[in-house]
Amino acid sequence: MSRAMALALMAVILATASCSLCMADPSEGSFFTSLYSDHRAAQVGDLVMVVISESSLASHSASRANDSSAGGSIGAGAGWLSFIPLTSYTGQSKSGAKGQAQQRDLLSARIAALVTAVAPSGNLMIEGERTIQVNHDVCTIRLTGEVRPQDLGPSNTVLSHNVANAHIEYIGSDPAKPGKRVGIITRILNWLF
């Protein structure tokens, strides 16, 4: 009987432990998470992977033309002004200008953003920054915005065009300026020619 009592007591202890594991909240640091629960970001501190794929194209063109002409004539002089011959003049002036500007921007990156707040509507406020340094060139991408939980993919991934109030900032070196310092001889030659 004591052996049956010990087995029953052990069964009760195991059942109590398994129930406490089942009811444990994963956010409280428990080692147990359900295989069937949703692992998408839902609270402050969760991470969201944002796939940035932005492109923009802007163009502007303008043209202007000005035409003007003038003419006049002076008759021959009479009397003591007879030395003035018959004179006439005409003039015409034309000017025109055309201008065109085009700018195209393309930004493609992946950045992990942290959920900083949850709005009353359930939307997630996210913020992230990534800095990359290659040799002496430093590039920084910053992102803030608001994401609907239903726009998150199974791996906590969201496309940048699904981020509301998105503010994407890219800070990096200008590709049109390969060198920051120009030598003195080059500066003198540029000044002369």
N, C-alpha and C. Protein backbone atom coordinates (compact mmCIF):
# COMPACT_ATOMS: atom_id res chain seq x y z
N MET A 1 0.82 -1.19 0.00
CA MET A 1 0.00 0.00 0.00
C MET A 1 0.86 1.25 0.00
N SER A 2 1.96 1.24 0.70
CA SER A 2 2.83 2.40 0.73
C SER A 2 3.45 2.64 -0.65
N ARG A 3 3.70 1.56 -1.39
CA ARG A 3 4.24 1.70 -2.73
C ARG A 3 3.19 2.34 -3.65
N ALA A 4 1.95 1.95 -3.57
CA ALA A 4 0.87 2.54 -4.36
C ALA A 4 0.66 3.99 -3.97
N MET A 5 0.81 4.28 -2.70
CA MET A 5 0.66 5.65 -2.21
C MET A 5 1.78 6.54 -2.76
N ALA A 6 2.99 6.02 -2.81
CA ALA A 6 4.13 6.77 -3.33
C ALA A 6 3.95 7.03 -4.83
N LEU A 7 3.45 6.03 -5.57
CA LEU A 7 3.21 6.21 -7.00
C LEU A 7 2.11 7.24 -7.25
N ALA A 8 1.07 7.21 -6.45
CA ALA A 8 -0.02 8.18 -6.60
C ALA A 8 0.47 9.59 -6.30
N LEU A 9 1.29 9.72 -5.27
CA LEU A 9 1.83 11.03 -4.92
C LEU A 9 2.74 11.56 -6.03
N MET A 10 3.55 10.68 -6.63
CA MET A 10 4.42 11.07 -7.73
C MET A 10 3.60 11.49 -8.95
N ALA A 11 2.50 10.82 -9.23
CA ALA A 11 1.63 11.16 -10.34
C ALA A 11 1.00 12.53 -10.13
N VAL A 12 0.60 12.82 -8.90
CA VAL A 12 0.01 14.13 -8.60
C VAL A 12 1.04 15.23 -8.79
N ILE A 13 2.28 15.01 -8.35
CA ILE A 13 3.33 16.01 -8.49
C ILE A 13 3.63 16.27 -9.96
N LEU A 14 3.74 15.19 -10.77
CA LEU A 14 4.00 15.36 -12.21
C LEU A 14 2.86 16.08 -12.90
N ALA A 15 1.63 15.78 -12.55
CA ALA A 15 0.48 16.44 -13.16
C ALA A 15 0.47 17.93 -12.82
N THR A 16 0.78 18.27 -11.58
CA THR A 16 0.81 19.67 -11.16
C THR A 16 1.92 20.43 -11.90
N ALA A 17 3.08 19.81 -12.04
CA ALA A 17 4.20 20.46 -12.74
C ALA A 17 3.87 20.67 -14.21
N SER A 18 3.27 19.67 -14.86
CA SER A 18 2.95 19.82 -16.28
C SER A 18 1.87 20.87 -16.49
N CYS A 19 0.90 20.98 -15.60
CA CYS A 19 -0.13 22.01 -15.73
C CYS A 19 0.46 23.40 -15.54
N SER A 20 1.41 23.54 -14.63
CA SER A 20 2.02 24.86 -14.42
C SER A 20 2.87 25.25 -15.63
N LEU A 21 3.50 24.27 -16.30
CA LEU A 21 4.26 24.57 -17.51
C LEU A 21 3.33 24.97 -18.66
N CYS A 22 2.17 24.30 -18.74
CA CYS A 22 1.22 24.61 -19.82
C CYS A 22 0.66 26.01 -19.67
N MET A 23 0.49 26.47 -18.44
CA MET A 23 -0.12 27.77 -18.20
C MET A 23 0.92 28.88 -18.09
N ALA A 24 2.21 28.55 -18.21
CA ALA A 24 3.24 29.56 -18.06
C ALA A 24 3.22 30.52 -19.25
N ASP A 25 3.51 31.77 -18.97
CA ASP A 25 3.57 32.81 -20.01
C ASP A 25 4.99 32.86 -20.55
N PRO A 26 5.20 32.67 -21.87
CA PRO A 26 6.56 32.69 -22.43
C PRO A 26 7.27 34.01 -22.21
N SER A 27 6.52 35.12 -22.09
CA SER A 27 7.17 36.41 -21.90
C SER A 27 7.77 36.55 -20.52
N GLU A 28 7.41 35.68 -19.59
CA GLU A 28 7.96 35.76 -18.23
C GLU A 28 9.23 34.95 -18.09
N GLY A 29 9.79 34.49 -19.21
CA GLY A 29 11.07 33.81 -19.17
C GLY A 29 10.96 32.31 -19.02
N SER A 30 9.79 31.73 -19.16
CA SER A 30 9.64 30.29 -19.06
C SER A 30 10.32 29.63 -20.25
N PHE A 31 10.88 28.45 -20.04
CA PHE A 31 11.57 27.74 -21.12
C PHE A 31 10.60 27.03 -22.04
N PHE A 32 9.32 26.99 -21.69
CA PHE A 32 8.34 26.25 -22.46
C PHE A 32 7.53 27.20 -23.33
N THR A 33 7.47 26.93 -24.64
CA THR A 33 6.56 27.65 -25.54
C THR A 33 5.82 26.62 -26.37
N SER A 34 4.61 26.93 -26.69
CA SER A 34 3.76 26.01 -27.42
C SER A 34 4.18 25.96 -28.89
N LEU A 35 4.09 24.78 -29.46
CA LEU A 35 4.38 24.63 -30.88
C LEU A 35 3.27 25.22 -31.75
N TYR A 36 2.12 25.41 -31.16
CA TYR A 36 0.94 25.84 -31.92
C TYR A 36 0.62 27.32 -31.74
N SER A 37 1.30 28.00 -30.85
CA SER A 37 0.98 29.41 -30.63
C SER A 37 1.66 30.26 -31.71
N ASP A 38 1.14 31.48 -31.88
CA ASP A 38 1.66 32.41 -32.88
C ASP A 38 2.87 33.13 -32.29
N HIS A 39 3.98 33.15 -33.01
CA HIS A 39 5.21 33.76 -32.51
C HIS A 39 5.46 35.13 -33.15
N ARG A 40 4.43 35.76 -33.67
CA ARG A 40 4.59 37.08 -34.28
C ARG A 40 4.71 38.14 -33.20
N ALA A 41 5.33 39.26 -33.57
CA ALA A 41 5.50 40.37 -32.64
C ALA A 41 4.14 40.89 -32.20
N ALA A 42 4.01 41.15 -30.92
CA ALA A 42 2.73 41.62 -30.41
C ALA A 42 2.87 42.58 -29.24
N GLN A 43 4.08 42.74 -28.71
CA GLN A 43 4.24 43.57 -27.53
C GLN A 43 5.56 44.34 -27.59
N VAL A 44 5.70 45.28 -26.68
CA VAL A 44 6.90 46.11 -26.62
C VAL A 44 8.12 45.23 -26.39
N GLY A 45 9.15 45.46 -27.16
CA GLY A 45 10.38 44.68 -27.04
C GLY A 45 10.53 43.61 -28.09
N ASP A 46 9.45 43.25 -28.79
CA ASP A 46 9.54 42.25 -29.85
C ASP A 46 10.25 42.86 -31.07
N LEU A 47 10.82 42.00 -31.89
CA LEU A 47 11.51 42.44 -33.09
C LEU A 47 10.68 42.17 -34.34
N VAL A 48 10.77 43.09 -35.28
CA VAL A 48 10.09 42.97 -36.57
C VAL A 48 11.15 43.18 -37.66
N MET A 49 11.19 42.30 -38.64
CA MET A 49 12.12 42.45 -39.75
C MET A 49 11.41 43.22 -40.86
N VAL A 50 11.96 44.37 -41.25
CA VAL A 50 11.37 45.21 -42.28
C VAL A 50 12.21 45.08 -43.55
N VAL A 51 11.55 44.72 -44.65
CA VAL A 51 12.21 44.63 -45.95
C VAL A 51 11.96 45.95 -46.66
N ILE A 52 13.00 46.77 -46.77
CA ILE A 52 12.88 48.09 -47.40
C ILE A 52 13.13 47.93 -48.90
N SER A 53 12.14 48.29 -49.66
CA SER A 53 12.26 48.28 -51.12
C SER A 53 11.53 49.51 -51.63
N GLU A 54 12.24 50.61 -51.70
CA GLU A 54 11.64 51.88 -52.08
C GLU A 54 12.31 52.40 -53.34
N SER A 55 11.52 52.97 -54.22
CA SER A 55 12.07 53.62 -55.40
C SER A 55 11.21 54.83 -55.72
N SER A 56 11.85 55.85 -56.26
CA SER A 56 11.11 57.05 -56.64
C SER A 56 11.74 57.62 -57.90
N LEU A 57 10.92 58.24 -58.71
CA LEU A 57 11.37 58.86 -59.95
C LEU A 57 10.67 60.20 -60.08
N ALA A 58 11.45 61.25 -60.23
CA ALA A 58 10.89 62.59 -60.40
C ALA A 58 11.55 63.23 -61.60
N SER A 59 10.76 63.89 -62.42
CA SER A 59 11.32 64.59 -63.57
C SER A 59 10.63 65.94 -63.72
N HIS A 60 11.37 66.89 -64.25
CA HIS A 60 10.85 68.24 -64.43
C HIS A 60 11.48 68.80 -65.69
N SER A 61 10.67 69.42 -66.53
CA SER A 61 11.21 70.05 -67.73
C SER A 61 10.52 71.40 -67.93
N ALA A 62 11.28 72.33 -68.47
CA ALA A 62 10.74 73.66 -68.72
C ALA A 62 11.43 74.24 -69.94
N SER A 63 10.72 75.10 -70.65
CA SER A 63 11.32 75.79 -71.80
C SER A 63 10.81 77.22 -71.82
N ARG A 64 11.64 78.11 -72.39
CA ARG A 64 11.30 79.52 -72.44
C ARG A 64 11.86 80.08 -73.73
N ALA A 65 11.11 80.97 -74.39
CA ALA A 65 11.58 81.61 -75.62
C ALA A 65 11.19 83.08 -75.58
N ASN A 66 12.13 83.93 -75.96
CA ASN A 66 11.89 85.38 -76.04
C ASN A 66 12.29 85.87 -77.42
N ASP A 67 11.41 86.60 -78.07
CA ASP A 67 11.71 87.21 -79.36
C ASP A 67 11.42 88.70 -79.25
N SER A 68 12.31 89.48 -79.79
CA SER A 68 12.05 90.92 -79.85
C SER A 68 12.72 91.48 -81.09
N SER A 69 12.13 92.50 -81.65
CA SER A 69 12.71 93.14 -82.84
C SER A 69 12.45 94.64 -82.75
N ALA A 70 13.33 95.38 -83.38
CA ALA A 70 13.20 96.85 -83.39
C ALA A 70 13.71 97.38 -84.73
N GLY A 71 13.22 98.49 -85.15
CA GLY A 71 13.67 99.09 -86.41
C GLY A 71 13.41 100.59 -86.40
N GLY A 72 14.10 101.27 -87.24
CA GLY A 72 13.91 102.72 -87.34
C GLY A 72 14.65 103.26 -88.54
N SER A 73 14.33 104.45 -88.96
CA SER A 73 15.02 105.09 -90.08
C SER A 73 15.12 106.58 -89.82
N ILE A 74 16.18 107.14 -90.35
CA ILE A 74 16.42 108.59 -90.22
C ILE A 74 16.60 109.13 -91.64
N GLY A 75 15.87 110.15 -91.98
CA GLY A 75 15.99 110.76 -93.31
C GLY A 75 17.29 111.54 -93.46
N ALA A 76 17.60 111.88 -94.69
CA ALA A 76 18.82 112.64 -94.97
C ALA A 76 18.69 114.03 -94.37
N GLY A 77 19.85 114.56 -94.00
CA GLY A 77 19.86 115.87 -93.38
C GLY A 77 19.54 116.98 -94.39
N ALA A 78 18.99 118.09 -93.94
CA ALA A 78 18.67 119.22 -94.81
C ALA A 78 19.37 120.46 -94.26
N GLY A 79 19.63 121.34 -95.10
CA GLY A 79 20.28 122.59 -94.67
C GLY A 79 21.71 122.33 -94.22
N TRP A 80 22.04 122.95 -93.13
CA TRP A 80 23.43 122.78 -92.66
C TRP A 80 23.70 121.37 -92.15
N LEU A 81 22.65 120.44 -92.08
CA LEU A 81 22.83 119.02 -91.72
C LEU A 81 22.84 118.13 -92.95
N SER A 82 23.13 118.71 -94.11
CA SER A 82 23.09 117.92 -95.35
C SER A 82 24.16 116.83 -95.40
N PHE A 83 25.13 116.90 -94.54
CA PHE A 83 26.17 115.85 -94.53
C PHE A 83 25.65 114.53 -93.94
N ILE A 84 24.48 114.51 -93.33
CA ILE A 84 23.92 113.28 -92.76
C ILE A 84 23.20 112.54 -93.87
N PRO A 85 23.68 111.32 -94.18
CA PRO A 85 23.01 110.56 -95.25
C PRO A 85 21.75 109.90 -94.73
N LEU A 86 21.00 109.37 -95.67
CA LEU A 86 19.80 108.60 -95.32
C LEU A 86 20.25 107.35 -94.56
N THR A 87 19.72 107.13 -93.39
CA THR A 87 20.16 106.03 -92.53
C THR A 87 18.96 105.25 -92.03
N SER A 88 19.15 103.96 -91.93
CA SER A 88 18.11 103.13 -91.31
C SER A 88 18.79 102.01 -90.54
N TYR A 89 18.07 101.48 -89.60
CA TYR A 89 18.62 100.35 -88.84
C TYR A 89 17.48 99.40 -88.47
N THR A 90 17.84 98.17 -88.33
CA THR A 90 16.89 97.15 -87.84
C THR A 90 17.65 96.25 -86.88
N GLY A 91 16.95 95.69 -85.99
CA GLY A 91 17.58 94.77 -85.03
C GLY A 91 16.58 93.69 -84.62
N GLN A 92 17.11 92.56 -84.35
CA GLN A 92 16.27 91.44 -83.92
C GLN A 92 17.04 90.66 -82.86
N SER A 93 16.33 90.27 -81.86
CA SER A 93 16.96 89.51 -80.77
C SER A 93 16.09 88.30 -80.45
N LYS A 94 16.72 87.17 -80.38
CA LYS A 94 16.01 85.94 -80.02
C LYS A 94 16.79 85.24 -78.93
N SER A 95 16.08 84.73 -77.98
CA SER A 95 16.73 83.92 -76.94
C SER A 95 15.78 82.81 -76.52
N GLY A 96 16.36 81.73 -76.16
CA GLY A 96 15.55 80.60 -75.72
C GLY A 96 16.33 79.75 -74.72
N ALA A 97 15.62 79.07 -73.90
CA ALA A 97 16.27 78.21 -72.91
C ALA A 97 15.40 76.98 -72.68
N LYS A 98 16.06 75.87 -72.50
CA LYS A 98 15.36 74.64 -72.19
C LYS A 98 16.10 73.98 -71.04
N GLY A 99 15.36 73.38 -70.17
CA GLY A 99 15.98 72.69 -69.05
C GLY A 99 15.20 71.43 -68.71
N GLN A 100 15.91 70.45 -68.25
CA GLN A 100 15.27 69.20 -67.85
C GLN A 100 16.06 68.62 -66.69
N ALA A 101 15.36 68.19 -65.68
CA ALA A 101 16.00 67.56 -64.52
C ALA A 101 15.28 66.25 -64.23
N GLN A 102 16.06 65.25 -63.91
CA GLN A 102 15.48 63.95 -63.59
C GLN A 102 16.25 63.36 -62.42
N GLN A 103 15.53 62.80 -61.49
CA GLN A 103 16.16 62.19 -60.32
C GLN A 103 15.51 60.85 -60.06
N ARG A 104 16.33 59.85 -59.83
CA ARG A 104 15.81 58.52 -59.53
C ARG A 104 16.53 57.99 -58.30
N ASP A 105 15.77 57.52 -57.34
CA ASP A 105 16.33 57.00 -56.10
C ASP A 105 15.85 55.57 -55.91
N LEU A 106 16.73 54.73 -55.43
CA LEU A 106 16.40 53.33 -55.16
C LEU A 106 17.08 52.93 -53.86
N LEU A 107 16.32 52.39 -52.94
CA LEU A 107 16.86 51.94 -51.66
C LEU A 107 16.31 50.55 -51.38
N SER A 108 17.22 49.63 -51.17
CA SER A 108 16.84 48.25 -50.90
C SER A 108 17.67 47.75 -49.72
N ALA A 109 17.01 47.31 -48.67
CA ALA A 109 17.73 46.85 -47.47
C ALA A 109 16.78 46.04 -46.60
N ARG A 110 17.35 45.37 -45.62
CA ARG A 110 16.59 44.69 -44.57
C ARG A 110 17.07 45.22 -43.24
N ILE A 111 16.14 45.54 -42.38
CA ILE A 111 16.50 46.11 -41.08
C ILE A 111 15.59 45.54 -40.00
N ALA A 112 16.19 45.19 -38.87
CA ALA A 112 15.40 44.71 -37.73
C ALA A 112 14.97 45.91 -36.91
N ALA A 113 13.67 46.01 -36.65
CA ALA A 113 13.13 47.13 -35.89
C ALA A 113 12.51 46.61 -34.60
N LEU A 114 12.60 47.41 -33.58
CA LEU A 114 12.10 47.06 -32.25
C LEU A 114 10.72 47.67 -32.06
N VAL A 115 9.80 46.91 -31.48
CA VAL A 115 8.48 47.44 -31.16
C VAL A 115 8.64 48.32 -29.92
N THR A 116 8.35 49.63 -30.09
CA THR A 116 8.54 50.57 -28.98
C THR A 116 7.24 50.86 -28.24
N ALA A 117 6.11 50.62 -28.88
CA ALA A 117 4.82 50.88 -28.24
C ALA A 117 3.73 50.13 -29.01
N VAL A 118 2.62 49.91 -28.33
CA VAL A 118 1.46 49.30 -28.96
C VAL A 118 0.32 50.31 -28.86
N ALA A 119 -0.22 50.73 -30.00
CA ALA A 119 -1.30 51.71 -30.03
C ALA A 119 -2.59 51.08 -29.51
N PRO A 120 -3.55 51.89 -29.08
CA PRO A 120 -4.83 51.35 -28.62
C PRO A 120 -5.54 50.51 -29.68
N SER A 121 -5.26 50.81 -30.96
CA SER A 121 -5.87 50.02 -32.04
C SER A 121 -5.19 48.67 -32.22
N GLY A 122 -4.08 48.45 -31.54
CA GLY A 122 -3.34 47.20 -31.67
C GLY A 122 -2.17 47.31 -32.62
N ASN A 123 -2.03 48.44 -33.33
CA ASN A 123 -0.91 48.62 -34.24
C ASN A 123 0.39 48.74 -33.45
N LEU A 124 1.48 48.29 -34.07
CA LEU A 124 2.79 48.28 -33.42
C LEU A 124 3.62 49.47 -33.90
N MET A 125 4.13 50.25 -32.98
CA MET A 125 5.05 51.34 -33.31
C MET A 125 6.45 50.76 -33.32
N ILE A 126 7.14 50.91 -34.46
CA ILE A 126 8.46 50.30 -34.59
C ILE A 126 9.53 51.35 -34.83
N GLU A 127 10.75 51.00 -34.47
CA GLU A 127 11.89 51.89 -34.66
C GLU A 127 13.13 51.04 -34.80
N GLY A 128 13.95 51.35 -35.80
CA GLY A 128 15.17 50.57 -36.01
C GLY A 128 16.25 51.40 -36.66
N GLU A 129 17.49 50.98 -36.47
CA GLU A 129 18.63 51.66 -37.06
C GLU A 129 19.71 50.63 -37.38
N ARG A 130 20.35 50.80 -38.53
CA ARG A 130 21.45 49.91 -38.93
C ARG A 130 22.57 50.78 -39.49
N THR A 131 23.78 50.57 -38.96
CA THR A 131 24.95 51.31 -39.42
C THR A 131 25.95 50.32 -40.00
N ILE A 132 26.41 50.62 -41.20
CA ILE A 132 27.38 49.77 -41.89
C ILE A 132 28.59 50.62 -42.24
N GLN A 133 29.77 50.12 -41.90
CA GLN A 133 30.99 50.83 -42.24
C GLN A 133 31.87 49.93 -43.08
N VAL A 134 32.22 50.43 -44.26
CA VAL A 134 33.13 49.73 -45.16
C VAL A 134 34.29 50.68 -45.40
N ASN A 135 35.49 50.29 -44.96
CA ASN A 135 36.66 51.15 -44.98
C ASN A 135 36.33 52.45 -44.25
N HIS A 136 36.32 53.58 -44.95
CA HIS A 136 36.02 54.85 -44.27
C HIS A 136 34.63 55.36 -44.60
N ASP A 137 33.86 54.60 -45.36
CA ASP A 137 32.51 55.01 -45.72
C ASP A 137 31.53 54.43 -44.72
N VAL A 138 30.73 55.29 -44.11
CA VAL A 138 29.74 54.88 -43.12
C VAL A 138 28.35 55.17 -43.67
N CYS A 139 27.49 54.16 -43.68
CA CYS A 139 26.11 54.31 -44.12
C CYS A 139 25.19 53.97 -42.96
N THR A 140 24.19 54.78 -42.73
CA THR A 140 23.23 54.55 -41.65
C THR A 140 21.82 54.60 -42.22
N ILE A 141 21.01 53.61 -41.84
CA ILE A 141 19.61 53.57 -42.24
C ILE A 141 18.78 53.63 -40.96
N ARG A 142 17.85 54.57 -40.91
CA ARG A 142 16.95 54.69 -39.76
C ARG A 142 15.52 54.54 -40.25
N LEU A 143 14.71 53.88 -39.43
CA LEU A 143 13.32 53.62 -39.82
C LEU A 143 12.42 53.78 -38.61
N THR A 144 11.33 54.50 -38.77
CA THR A 144 10.27 54.55 -37.77
C THR A 144 8.95 54.42 -38.50
N GLY A 145 7.94 53.91 -37.82
CA GLY A 145 6.64 53.77 -38.44
C GLY A 145 5.68 52.96 -37.59
N GLU A 146 4.57 52.59 -38.22
CA GLU A 146 3.49 51.88 -37.54
C GLU A 146 3.06 50.70 -38.41
N VAL A 147 2.93 49.54 -37.79
CA VAL A 147 2.63 48.31 -38.53
C VAL A 147 1.37 47.67 -37.96
N ARG A 148 0.49 47.22 -38.84
CA ARG A 148 -0.66 46.43 -38.40
C ARG A 148 -0.20 45.00 -38.14
N PRO A 149 -0.63 44.36 -37.07
CA PRO A 149 -0.21 42.99 -36.80
C PRO A 149 -0.57 42.02 -37.92
N GLN A 150 -1.68 42.25 -38.62
CA GLN A 150 -2.07 41.34 -39.70
C GLN A 150 -1.18 41.46 -40.93
N ASP A 151 -0.36 42.52 -41.02
CA ASP A 151 0.57 42.67 -42.14
C ASP A 151 1.88 41.93 -41.90
N LEU A 152 2.09 41.43 -40.71
CA LEU A 152 3.32 40.68 -40.41
C LEU A 152 3.23 39.29 -41.00
N GLY A 153 4.32 38.87 -41.64
CA GLY A 153 4.39 37.51 -42.17
C GLY A 153 4.70 36.52 -41.06
N PRO A 154 4.74 35.23 -41.39
CA PRO A 154 4.99 34.21 -40.37
C PRO A 154 6.34 34.36 -39.67
N SER A 155 7.31 34.95 -40.35
CA SER A 155 8.63 35.11 -39.74
C SER A 155 8.85 36.54 -39.25
N ASN A 156 7.77 37.21 -38.83
CA ASN A 156 7.83 38.60 -38.34
C ASN A 156 8.42 39.55 -39.36
N THR A 157 8.09 39.34 -40.63
CA THR A 157 8.61 40.17 -41.71
C THR A 157 7.48 41.02 -42.28
N VAL A 158 7.80 42.29 -42.56
CA VAL A 158 6.83 43.19 -43.17
C VAL A 158 7.54 43.99 -44.26
N LEU A 159 6.83 44.27 -45.35
CA LEU A 159 7.39 45.08 -46.43
C LEU A 159 7.26 46.56 -46.08
N SER A 160 8.20 47.36 -46.53
CA SER A 160 8.22 48.77 -46.14
C SER A 160 6.99 49.52 -46.64
N HIS A 161 6.38 49.10 -47.75
CA HIS A 161 5.19 49.82 -48.21
C HIS A 161 3.96 49.48 -47.36
N ASN A 162 4.08 48.54 -46.44
CA ASN A 162 2.99 48.26 -45.49
C ASN A 162 3.19 48.97 -44.16
N VAL A 163 4.24 49.78 -44.04
CA VAL A 163 4.51 50.52 -42.80
C VAL A 163 3.86 51.89 -42.93
N ALA A 164 2.91 52.18 -42.04
CA ALA A 164 2.22 53.47 -42.07
C ALA A 164 3.10 54.53 -41.41
N ASN A 165 2.94 55.76 -41.85
CA ASN A 165 3.72 56.89 -41.32
C ASN A 165 5.21 56.57 -41.31
N ALA A 166 5.65 55.89 -42.35
CA ALA A 166 7.05 55.46 -42.42
C ALA A 166 7.97 56.67 -42.63
N HIS A 167 9.03 56.68 -41.87
CA HIS A 167 10.09 57.67 -42.04
C HIS A 167 11.38 56.88 -42.21
N ILE A 168 11.87 56.84 -43.44
CA ILE A 168 13.08 56.08 -43.76
C ILE A 168 14.15 57.08 -44.11
N GLU A 169 15.25 57.01 -43.40
CA GLU A 169 16.34 57.96 -43.59
C GLU A 169 17.61 57.19 -43.92
N TYR A 170 18.25 57.58 -45.02
CA TYR A 170 19.52 56.96 -45.43
C TYR A 170 20.59 58.03 -45.40
N ILE A 171 21.62 57.81 -44.62
CA ILE A 171 22.72 58.75 -44.51
C ILE A 171 23.98 58.02 -44.93
N GLY A 172 24.63 58.52 -45.96
CA GLY A 172 25.84 57.87 -46.44
C GLY A 172 26.64 58.81 -47.29
N SER A 173 27.75 58.32 -47.79
CA SER A 173 28.62 59.15 -48.62
C SER A 173 27.97 59.35 -49.98
N ASP A 174 28.28 60.48 -50.60
CA ASP A 174 27.75 60.82 -51.91
C ASP A 174 28.58 60.11 -52.97
N PRO A 175 27.96 59.26 -53.82
CA PRO A 175 28.74 58.55 -54.83
C PRO A 175 29.34 59.49 -55.88
N ALA A 176 28.82 60.70 -55.99
CA ALA A 176 29.37 61.65 -56.97
C ALA A 176 30.65 62.30 -56.47
N LYS A 177 30.97 62.11 -55.21
CA LYS A 177 32.19 62.68 -54.63
C LYS A 177 33.08 61.55 -54.15
N PRO A 178 33.91 60.99 -55.03
CA PRO A 178 34.72 59.85 -54.62
C PRO A 178 35.80 60.20 -53.61
N GLY A 179 36.34 61.41 -53.65
CA GLY A 179 37.40 61.79 -52.72
C GLY A 179 36.99 62.99 -51.90
N LYS A 180 37.31 62.99 -50.62
CA LYS A 180 36.93 64.11 -49.78
C LYS A 180 37.96 65.23 -49.86
N ARG A 181 39.23 64.88 -50.12
CA ARG A 181 40.27 65.89 -50.19
C ARG A 181 40.86 65.92 -51.59
N VAL A 182 41.06 67.13 -52.09
CA VAL A 182 41.68 67.31 -53.40
C VAL A 182 43.06 67.91 -53.16
N GLY A 183 44.04 67.39 -53.87
CA GLY A 183 45.41 67.85 -53.70
C GLY A 183 45.60 69.29 -54.14
N ILE A 184 46.66 69.92 -53.64
CA ILE A 184 46.92 71.33 -53.92
C ILE A 184 47.22 71.56 -55.40
N ILE A 185 47.95 70.64 -56.02
CA ILE A 185 48.29 70.80 -57.44
C ILE A 185 47.03 70.71 -58.29
N THR A 186 46.13 69.77 -57.95
CA THR A 186 44.86 69.65 -58.69
C THR A 186 44.03 70.90 -58.53
N ARG A 187 44.03 71.49 -57.34
CA ARG A 187 43.26 72.71 -57.12
C ARG A 187 43.83 73.88 -57.92
N ILE A 188 45.16 73.97 -58.00
CA ILE A 188 45.78 75.05 -58.78
C ILE A 188 45.47 74.88 -60.26
N LEU A 189 45.60 73.64 -60.76
CA LEU A 189 45.29 73.40 -62.17
C LEU A 189 43.83 73.66 -62.48
N ASN A 190 42.92 73.28 -61.59
CA ASN A 190 41.50 73.58 -61.81
C ASN A 190 41.23 75.07 -61.81
N TRP A 191 41.97 75.82 -60.98
CA TRP A 191 41.78 77.26 -60.92
C TRP A 191 42.29 77.93 -62.20
N LEU A 192 43.44 77.42 -62.72
CA LEU A 192 44.01 78.00 -63.94
C LEU A 192 43.21 77.66 -65.18
N PHE A 193 42.71 76.44 -65.24
CA PHE A 193 42.03 75.98 -66.45
C PHE A 193 40.58 75.76 -66.14
